[in-house]
Amino acid sequence: MKFIKNLIINALTAVGILIFLWLVISWADVLMHNDPITGDKQYMPGNAIVMMIGLTE
């Protein structure tokens, strides 16, 4: 029982870390491609920030 509990906790922790990294990478991608001088708005596919607020509309 303890093994299953630890496995679930570790899996949830790993998923949380991956989601956090996805958000950080997406935010950095928005910052790199959204400046007023060279802002090409060519965001990476699956960008979390773009999907959440719809910047491509």
Protein backbone atom coordinates (compact mmCIF):
# COMPACT_ATOMS: atom_id res chain seq x y z
CA MET A 1 0.00 0.00 0.00
CA LYS A 2 2.82 2.39 0.87
CA PHE A 3 4.49 1.66 -2.48
CA ILE A 4 1.35 2.63 -4.41
CA LYS A 5 0.92 5.80 -2.37
CA ASN A 6 4.55 6.83 -3.02
CA LEU A 7 4.17 5.98 -6.70
CA ILE A 8 1.09 8.20 -7.02
CA ILE A 9 2.73 11.06 -5.13
CA ASN A 10 5.87 10.83 -7.28
CA ALA A 11 3.81 10.69 -10.49
CA LEU A 12 1.79 13.77 -9.49
CA THR A 13 4.98 15.60 -8.55
CA ALA A 14 6.54 14.78 -11.92
CA VAL A 15 3.42 15.94 -13.77
CA GLY A 16 3.38 19.17 -11.78
CA ILE A 17 7.03 19.85 -12.59
CA LEU A 18 6.43 19.16 -16.29
CA ILE A 19 3.44 21.52 -16.39
CA PHE A 20 5.47 24.22 -14.65
CA LEU A 21 8.33 23.79 -17.16
CA TRP A 22 5.85 23.95 -20.07
CA LEU A 23 4.48 27.24 -18.72
CA VAL A 24 7.96 28.72 -18.20
CA ILE A 25 9.14 27.72 -21.68
CA SER A 26 5.91 29.04 -23.22
CA TRP A 27 6.30 32.36 -21.41
CA ALA A 28 9.91 32.70 -22.59
CA ASP A 29 8.75 31.94 -26.15
CA VAL A 30 6.12 34.69 -25.96
CA LEU A 31 8.71 37.15 -24.66
CA MET A 32 11.13 36.28 -27.48
CA HIS A 33 8.58 36.60 -30.29
CA ASN A 34 6.36 39.44 -29.10
CA ASP A 35 8.65 42.48 -28.97
CA PRO A 36 7.65 45.65 -30.88
CA ILE A 37 10.73 45.74 -33.15
CA THR A 38 11.16 42.18 -34.42
CA GLY A 39 7.97 40.64 -33.08
CA ASP A 40 7.21 37.99 -35.65
CA LYS A 41 4.62 36.26 -33.46
CA GLN A 42 5.91 32.84 -34.62
CA TYR A 43 5.19 31.02 -31.37
CA MET A 44 6.10 27.37 -30.84
CA PRO A 45 3.34 24.82 -31.43
CA GLY A 46 1.55 24.00 -28.20
CA ASN A 47 2.47 27.28 -26.50
CA ALA A 48 0.47 27.33 -23.27
CA ILE A 49 0.21 31.12 -23.07
CA VAL A 50 -1.06 31.39 -26.65
CA MET A 51 -3.59 28.63 -26.06
CA MET A 52 -4.82 30.24 -22.82
CA ILE A 53 -5.33 33.78 -24.07
CA GLY A 54 -5.62 33.33 -27.83
CA LEU A 55 -2.83 35.61 -29.06
CA THR A 56 -3.02 34.23 -32.60
CA GLU A 57 -6.56 35.46 -33.25
